[in-house]
Amino acid sequence: MTRRDDWTAGWSAEKVKGHSEVLSTEPITGNALKIQTKKSKGLILIATLSVDCVRRDDLAEVHLNRDVVFAMNVPKNAVYHGSAISYADTNSFGIGGLGDLFVAIKVLALNEYDLTADAVRTGIDSHGKCSIILTSNPNCRPSGESIRAADSAGAKVLSWGELLCALNYAK
C-alpha cells in the first residue's frame, strides 16, 4: 500500500542535506532515507512521515526495521499521541520534526542497563563526539563515573523524558 506522504523522504533529504554535520543523504523509499554525518561510522536510517496527529499505527507503518534511529514528521506543530511516544520508546528510536532531527544528529543513544564510564567512552569512540548521551533503556541507571566521563567529553547524560524536555525548551 502506498502512503499519501510517500514524498517525505525526498523532501527531508533535501532539507537535511544543508545541515553542517551531514555529508550525504539518500532516499531509499518514499518514507525512509539514509544519512551520513561527519561523526557517524556508517549510514543512519531515518523514517519519514507527514501527519498532524502522530499515533502508534503511523509510526508502525514507517518503522521499517530495528535500524531506524529517528522518525521525522514534517508538520511543525504536530501532536504526538501517547501511543506513538510509547511505540518509539519501546523500539528505541526518536521522534519529532526537522529541528528535532538536527538535534538528534548530535545525540548518542546507549541502551545500557547500567551505564558505565567505559560504555560512555566506547560509545563516543565508536560513534563520534556528541552533545547528548541518551539512556534509551528506560531502566538505565547511569553511574556517577559515567556522568563524569560524559561531562569530560562535553556531553550531558539524559533519559528520554529529560531529552524531550530539553527539546521542548530549546524551541
N, C-alpha and C. Protein backbone atom coordinates (compact mmCIF):
# COMPACT_ATOMS: atom_id res chain seq x y z
N MET A 1 0.84 -1.18 0.00
CA MET A 1 0.00 0.00 0.00
C MET A 1 0.89 1.25 0.00
N THR A 2 0.56 2.21 -0.84
CA THR A 2 1.31 3.45 -0.92
C THR A 2 0.73 4.45 0.06
N ARG A 3 1.58 5.08 0.82
CA ARG A 3 1.16 6.11 1.76
C ARG A 3 0.97 7.42 1.01
N ARG A 4 0.10 8.27 1.54
CA ARG A 4 -0.11 9.58 0.93
C ARG A 4 1.08 10.51 1.16
N ASP A 5 1.90 10.19 2.13
CA ASP A 5 3.06 11.04 2.42
C ASP A 5 4.36 10.40 1.94
N ASP A 6 4.27 9.66 0.83
CA ASP A 6 5.47 8.98 0.33
C ASP A 6 6.45 9.92 -0.36
N TRP A 7 6.22 11.20 -0.28
CA TRP A 7 7.13 12.24 -0.79
C TRP A 7 8.10 12.72 0.29
N THR A 8 7.87 12.32 1.54
CA THR A 8 8.58 12.92 2.67
C THR A 8 10.07 12.59 2.71
N ALA A 9 10.48 11.42 2.23
CA ALA A 9 11.91 11.09 2.27
C ALA A 9 12.71 12.02 1.35
N GLY A 10 12.20 12.27 0.16
CA GLY A 10 12.88 13.18 -0.75
C GLY A 10 12.94 14.59 -0.21
N TRP A 11 11.82 15.07 0.34
CA TRP A 11 11.76 16.41 0.93
C TRP A 11 12.74 16.51 2.09
N SER A 12 12.72 15.51 2.96
CA SER A 12 13.60 15.50 4.13
C SER A 12 15.07 15.45 3.74
N ALA A 13 15.39 14.64 2.72
CA ALA A 13 16.77 14.53 2.27
C ALA A 13 17.30 15.89 1.81
N GLU A 14 16.46 16.65 1.09
CA GLU A 14 16.88 17.98 0.63
C GLU A 14 17.10 18.93 1.81
N LYS A 15 16.23 18.88 2.81
CA LYS A 15 16.35 19.76 3.98
C LYS A 15 17.56 19.39 4.83
N VAL A 16 17.76 18.10 5.06
CA VAL A 16 18.85 17.63 5.92
C VAL A 16 20.21 17.85 5.26
N LYS A 17 20.24 17.80 3.93
CA LYS A 17 21.48 17.96 3.18
C LYS A 17 22.20 19.27 3.53
N GLY A 18 21.44 20.30 3.92
CA GLY A 18 22.03 21.59 4.24
C GLY A 18 22.62 21.70 5.64
N HIS A 19 22.44 20.68 6.48
CA HIS A 19 22.96 20.72 7.85
C HIS A 19 24.48 20.56 7.82
N SER A 20 25.18 21.34 8.63
CA SER A 20 26.64 21.34 8.62
C SER A 20 27.26 20.00 9.01
N GLU A 21 26.55 19.16 9.75
CA GLU A 21 27.08 17.87 10.17
C GLU A 21 26.82 16.75 9.17
N VAL A 22 26.00 17.00 8.13
CA VAL A 22 25.58 15.95 7.20
C VAL A 22 26.49 15.93 5.98
N LEU A 23 27.02 14.75 5.68
CA LEU A 23 27.87 14.57 4.50
C LEU A 23 27.05 14.15 3.28
N SER A 24 26.06 13.26 3.48
CA SER A 24 25.26 12.78 2.35
C SER A 24 23.89 12.33 2.82
N THR A 25 22.95 12.35 1.88
CA THR A 25 21.60 11.85 2.13
C THR A 25 21.18 11.02 0.94
N GLU A 26 20.38 9.98 1.21
CA GLU A 26 19.90 9.12 0.13
C GLU A 26 18.52 8.57 0.48
N PRO A 27 17.46 9.04 -0.22
CA PRO A 27 16.14 8.43 -0.01
C PRO A 27 16.20 6.97 -0.48
N ILE A 28 15.66 6.05 0.33
CA ILE A 28 15.66 4.64 -0.07
C ILE A 28 14.25 4.14 -0.36
N THR A 29 13.25 4.80 0.20
CA THR A 29 11.84 4.58 -0.14
C THR A 29 11.18 5.94 -0.04
N GLY A 30 9.89 5.99 -0.28
CA GLY A 30 9.18 7.26 -0.14
C GLY A 30 9.13 7.76 1.29
N ASN A 31 9.33 6.85 2.26
CA ASN A 31 9.25 7.22 3.67
C ASN A 31 10.49 6.83 4.46
N ALA A 32 11.62 6.72 3.80
CA ALA A 32 12.86 6.40 4.52
C ALA A 32 14.06 6.95 3.77
N LEU A 33 15.03 7.42 4.54
CA LEU A 33 16.27 7.87 3.94
C LEU A 33 17.42 7.48 4.83
N LYS A 34 18.58 7.44 4.20
CA LYS A 34 19.82 7.19 4.94
C LYS A 34 20.63 8.47 4.88
N ILE A 35 21.26 8.79 6.02
CA ILE A 35 22.14 9.95 6.04
C ILE A 35 23.50 9.53 6.60
N GLN A 36 24.52 10.21 6.15
CA GLN A 36 25.87 10.02 6.67
C GLN A 36 26.27 11.34 7.29
N THR A 37 26.66 11.32 8.54
CA THR A 37 27.12 12.54 9.20
C THR A 37 28.64 12.50 9.31
N LYS A 38 29.21 13.63 9.66
CA LYS A 38 30.66 13.72 9.82
C LYS A 38 31.15 12.78 10.92
N LYS A 39 30.31 12.53 11.91
CA LYS A 39 30.76 11.77 13.07
C LYS A 39 30.25 10.33 13.10
N SER A 40 29.30 9.99 12.22
CA SER A 40 28.78 8.62 12.24
C SER A 40 29.74 7.70 11.50
N LYS A 41 29.81 6.47 11.95
CA LYS A 41 30.69 5.48 11.32
C LYS A 41 30.04 4.84 10.09
N GLY A 42 28.73 4.95 9.98
CA GLY A 42 28.01 4.38 8.85
C GLY A 42 26.79 5.21 8.54
N LEU A 43 25.91 4.65 7.72
CA LEU A 43 24.69 5.34 7.36
C LEU A 43 23.66 5.24 8.49
N ILE A 44 22.89 6.29 8.66
CA ILE A 44 21.86 6.35 9.70
C ILE A 44 20.51 6.28 9.01
N LEU A 45 19.64 5.37 9.45
CA LEU A 45 18.33 5.18 8.83
C LEU A 45 17.27 6.04 9.54
N ILE A 46 16.60 6.88 8.74
CA ILE A 46 15.57 7.79 9.24
C ILE A 46 14.25 7.45 8.56
N ALA A 47 13.20 7.25 9.34
CA ALA A 47 11.84 7.08 8.79
C ALA A 47 11.22 8.47 8.67
N THR A 48 10.37 8.69 7.68
CA THR A 48 9.75 9.99 7.48
C THR A 48 8.25 9.84 7.29
N LEU A 49 7.52 10.86 7.73
CA LEU A 49 6.07 10.88 7.56
C LEU A 49 5.57 12.31 7.65
N SER A 50 4.31 12.50 7.30
CA SER A 50 3.68 13.82 7.40
C SER A 50 2.27 13.64 7.92
N VAL A 51 2.13 13.76 9.24
CA VAL A 51 0.85 13.53 9.92
C VAL A 51 0.66 14.61 10.97
N ASP A 52 -0.53 15.19 11.03
CA ASP A 52 -0.79 16.24 12.02
C ASP A 52 -0.88 15.70 13.44
N CYS A 53 -1.44 14.51 13.59
CA CYS A 53 -1.50 13.85 14.91
C CYS A 53 -0.89 12.46 14.75
N VAL A 54 0.32 12.28 15.26
CA VAL A 54 1.05 11.04 15.09
C VAL A 54 0.59 10.03 16.14
N ARG A 55 0.18 8.86 15.65
CA ARG A 55 -0.25 7.76 16.51
C ARG A 55 0.66 6.55 16.29
N ARG A 56 0.51 5.56 17.13
CA ARG A 56 1.32 4.36 17.06
C ARG A 56 1.29 3.74 15.67
N ASP A 57 0.11 3.61 15.08
CA ASP A 57 -0.02 2.97 13.77
C ASP A 57 0.74 3.72 12.69
N ASP A 58 0.79 5.06 12.79
CA ASP A 58 1.55 5.85 11.82
C ASP A 58 3.03 5.48 11.88
N LEU A 59 3.56 5.38 13.09
CA LEU A 59 4.98 5.02 13.24
C LEU A 59 5.24 3.59 12.82
N ALA A 60 4.31 2.68 13.16
CA ALA A 60 4.49 1.27 12.81
C ALA A 60 4.57 1.09 11.29
N GLU A 61 3.85 1.92 10.53
CA GLU A 61 3.87 1.82 9.07
C GLU A 61 5.20 2.25 8.46
N VAL A 62 5.88 3.20 9.08
CA VAL A 62 7.15 3.70 8.51
C VAL A 62 8.38 3.14 9.21
N HIS A 63 8.19 2.46 10.33
CA HIS A 63 9.30 1.87 11.08
C HIS A 63 9.70 0.58 10.37
N LEU A 64 10.64 0.69 9.42
CA LEU A 64 10.99 -0.42 8.55
C LEU A 64 11.64 -1.59 9.29
N ASN A 65 12.54 -1.28 10.20
CA ASN A 65 13.25 -2.31 10.94
C ASN A 65 13.90 -1.69 12.16
N ARG A 66 14.58 -2.49 12.92
CA ARG A 66 15.17 -2.00 14.18
C ARG A 66 16.33 -1.05 13.98
N ASP A 67 16.78 -0.87 12.74
CA ASP A 67 17.88 0.06 12.46
C ASP A 67 17.42 1.51 12.37
N VAL A 68 16.11 1.75 12.34
CA VAL A 68 15.60 3.13 12.32
C VAL A 68 16.00 3.79 13.64
N VAL A 69 16.65 4.96 13.54
CA VAL A 69 17.07 5.66 14.76
C VAL A 69 16.21 6.88 15.04
N PHE A 70 15.43 7.33 14.04
CA PHE A 70 14.60 8.52 14.22
C PHE A 70 13.46 8.49 13.21
N ALA A 71 12.28 8.92 13.64
CA ALA A 71 11.14 9.10 12.74
C ALA A 71 10.85 10.60 12.68
N MET A 72 11.10 11.19 11.50
CA MET A 72 10.94 12.63 11.32
C MET A 72 9.59 12.93 10.70
N ASN A 73 8.80 13.74 11.41
CA ASN A 73 7.48 14.14 10.94
C ASN A 73 7.56 15.56 10.39
N VAL A 74 6.97 15.81 9.22
CA VAL A 74 7.12 17.09 8.54
C VAL A 74 6.38 18.25 9.23
N PRO A 75 5.08 18.12 9.61
CA PRO A 75 4.40 19.30 10.17
C PRO A 75 5.09 19.82 11.44
N LYS A 76 5.28 21.15 11.49
CA LYS A 76 5.96 21.77 12.63
C LYS A 76 5.17 21.67 13.92
N ASN A 77 3.86 21.81 13.84
CA ASN A 77 3.03 21.85 15.05
C ASN A 77 2.26 20.56 15.27
N ALA A 78 2.86 19.44 14.92
CA ALA A 78 2.20 18.15 15.06
C ALA A 78 2.01 17.79 16.53
N VAL A 79 1.01 16.95 16.77
CA VAL A 79 0.73 16.42 18.10
C VAL A 79 1.18 14.97 18.10
N TYR A 80 1.84 14.55 19.18
CA TYR A 80 2.31 13.18 19.30
C TYR A 80 1.49 12.47 20.37
N HIS A 81 0.65 11.55 19.94
CA HIS A 81 -0.22 10.77 20.82
C HIS A 81 0.64 9.89 21.73
N GLY A 82 0.16 9.63 22.91
CA GLY A 82 0.89 8.79 23.86
C GLY A 82 1.27 7.44 23.28
N SER A 83 0.40 6.88 22.43
CA SER A 83 0.69 5.57 21.83
C SER A 83 1.92 5.66 20.91
N ALA A 84 2.11 6.80 20.25
CA ALA A 84 3.28 6.99 19.38
C ALA A 84 4.55 7.11 20.22
N ILE A 85 4.46 7.86 21.29
CA ILE A 85 5.62 8.04 22.17
C ILE A 85 6.02 6.71 22.79
N SER A 86 5.04 5.92 23.22
CA SER A 86 5.32 4.60 23.79
C SER A 86 5.95 3.67 22.76
N TYR A 87 5.42 3.71 21.54
CA TYR A 87 5.97 2.86 20.46
C TYR A 87 7.43 3.22 20.18
N ALA A 88 7.72 4.50 20.07
CA ALA A 88 9.09 4.94 19.82
C ALA A 88 10.00 4.54 20.98
N ASP A 89 9.52 4.70 22.20
CA ASP A 89 10.31 4.34 23.38
C ASP A 89 10.60 2.84 23.40
N THR A 90 9.57 2.04 23.17
CA THR A 90 9.72 0.58 23.17
C THR A 90 10.69 0.12 22.10
N ASN A 91 10.67 0.79 20.95
CA ASN A 91 11.52 0.39 19.83
C ASN A 91 12.82 1.19 19.74
N SER A 92 13.09 2.01 20.74
CA SER A 92 14.36 2.74 20.90
C SER A 92 14.73 3.62 19.71
N PHE A 93 13.78 4.46 19.27
CA PHE A 93 14.11 5.47 18.28
C PHE A 93 13.44 6.78 18.65
N GLY A 94 14.01 7.87 18.17
CA GLY A 94 13.48 9.19 18.47
C GLY A 94 12.39 9.58 17.49
N ILE A 95 11.55 10.53 17.91
CA ILE A 95 10.51 11.06 17.04
C ILE A 95 10.49 12.58 17.18
N GLY A 96 10.09 13.25 16.11
CA GLY A 96 9.97 14.70 16.16
C GLY A 96 10.04 15.29 14.76
N GLY A 97 10.20 16.60 14.71
CA GLY A 97 10.26 17.32 13.46
C GLY A 97 11.69 17.49 12.96
N LEU A 98 11.83 18.31 11.95
CA LEU A 98 13.14 18.54 11.34
C LEU A 98 14.14 19.13 12.35
N GLY A 99 13.71 20.10 13.14
CA GLY A 99 14.60 20.68 14.15
C GLY A 99 15.04 19.64 15.17
N ASP A 100 14.12 18.76 15.54
CA ASP A 100 14.46 17.69 16.49
C ASP A 100 15.47 16.73 15.88
N LEU A 101 15.32 16.46 14.58
CA LEU A 101 16.28 15.59 13.90
C LEU A 101 17.66 16.23 13.91
N PHE A 102 17.73 17.54 13.68
CA PHE A 102 19.03 18.22 13.70
C PHE A 102 19.68 18.08 15.07
N VAL A 103 18.89 18.17 16.14
CA VAL A 103 19.44 17.96 17.49
C VAL A 103 19.84 16.50 17.66
N ALA A 104 19.01 15.57 17.16
CA ALA A 104 19.28 14.14 17.33
C ALA A 104 20.56 13.72 16.62
N ILE A 105 20.94 14.44 15.56
CA ILE A 105 22.19 14.12 14.86
C ILE A 105 23.37 14.21 15.83
N LYS A 106 23.23 15.02 16.86
CA LYS A 106 24.31 15.19 17.83
C LYS A 106 24.08 14.39 19.11
N VAL A 107 23.11 13.43 19.09
CA VAL A 107 22.78 12.61 20.25
C VAL A 107 23.33 11.20 20.06
N LEU A 108 23.96 10.67 21.10
CA LEU A 108 24.42 9.29 21.12
C LEU A 108 23.48 8.51 22.03
N ALA A 109 22.78 7.53 21.49
CA ALA A 109 21.86 6.70 22.28
C ALA A 109 22.57 5.43 22.72
N LEU A 110 22.61 5.20 24.02
CA LEU A 110 23.21 3.99 24.58
C LEU A 110 22.11 3.23 25.32
N ASN A 111 21.92 1.98 24.97
CA ASN A 111 20.83 1.18 25.53
C ASN A 111 21.33 0.26 26.65
N GLU A 112 22.08 0.83 27.56
CA GLU A 112 22.67 0.07 28.67
C GLU A 112 21.71 0.03 29.86
N TYR A 113 21.77 -1.04 30.63
CA TYR A 113 21.00 -1.12 31.88
C TYR A 113 21.75 -0.37 32.97
N ASP A 114 23.04 -0.62 33.08
CA ASP A 114 23.91 0.11 34.00
C ASP A 114 24.92 0.87 33.14
N LEU A 115 24.71 2.16 32.98
CA LEU A 115 25.59 2.97 32.15
C LEU A 115 26.89 3.23 32.91
N THR A 116 28.00 2.77 32.33
CA THR A 116 29.31 2.92 32.95
C THR A 116 30.13 3.96 32.20
N ALA A 117 31.20 4.42 32.82
CA ALA A 117 32.11 5.36 32.17
C ALA A 117 32.72 4.70 30.93
N ASP A 118 33.03 3.40 31.01
CA ASP A 118 33.60 2.70 29.87
C ASP A 118 32.62 2.67 28.70
N ALA A 119 31.33 2.46 28.98
CA ALA A 119 30.32 2.45 27.92
C ALA A 119 30.23 3.83 27.26
N VAL A 120 30.34 4.88 28.04
CA VAL A 120 30.31 6.25 27.50
C VAL A 120 31.52 6.48 26.60
N ARG A 121 32.71 6.14 27.08
CA ARG A 121 33.92 6.35 26.29
C ARG A 121 33.91 5.50 25.02
N THR A 122 33.47 4.24 25.12
CA THR A 122 33.40 3.36 23.96
C THR A 122 32.39 3.89 22.94
N GLY A 123 31.24 4.36 23.42
CA GLY A 123 30.23 4.92 22.53
C GLY A 123 30.74 6.13 21.78
N ILE A 124 31.43 7.02 22.48
CA ILE A 124 31.98 8.22 21.84
C ILE A 124 33.09 7.83 20.87
N ASP A 125 33.94 6.86 21.24
CA ASP A 125 35.00 6.40 20.34
C ASP A 125 34.41 5.78 19.07
N SER A 126 33.32 5.02 19.23
CA SER A 126 32.72 4.33 18.09
C SER A 126 31.88 5.24 17.19
N HIS A 127 31.16 6.18 17.80
CA HIS A 127 30.18 6.96 17.04
C HIS A 127 30.52 8.44 16.91
N GLY A 128 31.55 8.89 17.57
CA GLY A 128 31.96 10.28 17.44
C GLY A 128 31.45 11.16 18.56
N LYS A 129 31.97 12.36 18.60
CA LYS A 129 31.62 13.35 19.62
C LYS A 129 30.15 13.70 19.52
N CYS A 130 29.53 13.92 20.66
CA CYS A 130 28.11 14.26 20.71
C CYS A 130 27.90 15.28 21.81
N SER A 131 26.73 15.89 21.82
CA SER A 131 26.42 16.84 22.89
C SER A 131 25.51 16.21 23.94
N ILE A 132 24.80 15.15 23.56
CA ILE A 132 23.89 14.47 24.48
C ILE A 132 24.08 12.96 24.37
N ILE A 133 24.12 12.29 25.52
CA ILE A 133 24.11 10.84 25.56
C ILE A 133 22.75 10.44 26.12
N LEU A 134 21.96 9.78 25.27
CA LEU A 134 20.61 9.36 25.64
C LEU A 134 20.67 7.97 26.24
N THR A 135 20.13 7.82 27.43
CA THR A 135 19.99 6.49 28.03
C THR A 135 18.66 5.93 27.52
N SER A 136 18.72 5.23 26.38
CA SER A 136 17.49 4.79 25.72
C SER A 136 16.82 3.62 26.43
N ASN A 137 17.52 2.94 27.31
CA ASN A 137 16.90 1.88 28.12
C ASN A 137 16.14 2.56 29.26
N PRO A 138 14.81 2.36 29.34
CA PRO A 138 14.04 3.05 30.38
C PRO A 138 14.43 2.64 31.81
N ASN A 139 15.13 1.53 31.95
CA ASN A 139 15.55 1.07 33.28
C ASN A 139 17.01 1.42 33.58
N CYS A 140 17.61 2.24 32.73
CA CYS A 140 19.02 2.58 32.88
C CYS A 140 19.29 3.34 34.18
N ARG A 141 20.41 2.98 34.80
CA ARG A 141 20.90 3.70 35.97
C ARG A 141 22.31 4.18 35.67
N PRO A 142 22.46 5.45 35.25
CA PRO A 142 23.82 5.93 34.97
C PRO A 142 24.62 6.06 36.25
N SER A 143 25.86 5.62 36.21
CA SER A 143 26.73 5.75 37.38
C SER A 143 27.29 7.17 37.43
N GLY A 144 27.78 7.55 38.60
CA GLY A 144 28.44 8.84 38.74
C GLY A 144 29.64 8.96 37.82
N GLU A 145 30.37 7.85 37.66
CA GLU A 145 31.53 7.85 36.78
C GLU A 145 31.12 8.08 35.33
N SER A 146 29.97 7.52 34.90
CA SER A 146 29.52 7.71 33.51
C SER A 146 29.13 9.16 33.28
N ILE A 147 28.52 9.78 34.26
CA ILE A 147 28.14 11.19 34.14
C ILE A 147 29.40 12.07 34.07
N ARG A 148 30.40 11.74 34.89
CA ARG A 148 31.67 12.49 34.85
C ARG A 148 32.40 12.27 33.51
N ALA A 149 32.36 11.04 32.98
CA ALA A 149 33.01 10.76 31.69
C ALA A 149 32.31 11.55 30.58
N ALA A 150 30.98 11.61 30.63
CA ALA A 150 30.24 12.39 29.63
C ALA A 150 30.58 13.87 29.76
N ASP A 151 30.60 14.38 30.99
CA ASP A 151 30.95 15.79 31.23
C ASP A 151 32.33 16.11 30.67
N SER A 152 33.29 15.23 30.90
CA SER A 152 34.65 15.49 30.42
C SER A 152 34.72 15.48 28.89
N ALA A 153 33.76 14.82 28.25
CA ALA A 153 33.70 14.80 26.78
C ALA A 153 32.80 15.91 26.23
N GLY A 154 32.26 16.74 27.14
CA GLY A 154 31.42 17.84 26.71
C GLY A 154 29.99 17.44 26.43
N ALA A 155 29.53 16.33 27.01
CA ALA A 155 28.17 15.84 26.77
C ALA A 155 27.40 15.73 28.09
N LYS A 156 26.09 15.72 27.98
CA LYS A 156 25.22 15.51 29.13
C LYS A 156 24.51 14.18 28.98
N VAL A 157 24.30 13.45 30.08
CA VAL A 157 23.56 12.19 30.08
C VAL A 157 22.11 12.51 30.40
N LEU A 158 21.19 12.12 29.49
CA LEU A 158 19.77 12.39 29.66
C LEU A 158 18.93 11.14 29.42
N SER A 159 17.82 11.03 30.13
CA SER A 159 16.83 9.98 29.85
C SER A 159 15.91 10.49 28.74
N TRP A 160 15.00 9.62 28.26
CA TRP A 160 14.05 10.04 27.22
C TRP A 160 13.26 11.26 27.68
N GLY A 161 12.74 11.21 28.89
CA GLY A 161 11.94 12.32 29.40
C GLY A 161 12.73 13.62 29.48
N GLU A 162 13.96 13.52 29.97
CA GLU A 162 14.82 14.70 30.05
C GLU A 162 15.16 15.25 28.66
N LEU A 163 15.37 14.34 27.70
CA LEU A 163 15.66 14.78 26.34
C LEU A 163 14.46 15.49 25.73
N LEU A 164 13.27 14.94 25.92
CA LEU A 164 12.06 15.57 25.38
C LEU A 164 11.85 16.95 26.00
N CYS A 165 12.10 17.08 27.28
CA CYS A 165 12.01 18.40 27.94
C CYS A 165 13.03 19.36 27.36
N ALA A 166 14.27 18.88 27.17
CA ALA A 166 15.33 19.74 26.62
C ALA A 166 14.98 20.18 25.21
N LEU A 167 14.41 19.30 24.41
CA LEU A 167 14.00 19.67 23.05
C LEU A 167 12.88 20.69 23.09
N ASN A 168 11.96 20.51 24.03
CA ASN A 168 10.83 21.43 24.15
C ASN A 168 11.30 22.84 24.54
N TYR A 169 12.24 22.92 25.46
CA TYR A 169 12.74 24.22 25.90
C TYR A 169 13.68 24.87 24.91
N ALA A 170 14.27 24.05 24.01
CA ALA A 170 15.21 24.59 23.03
C ALA A 170 14.50 25.33 21.90
N LYS A 171 13.20 25.12 21.76
CA LYS A 171 12.45 25.74 20.64
C LYS A 171 12.13 27.16 20.88
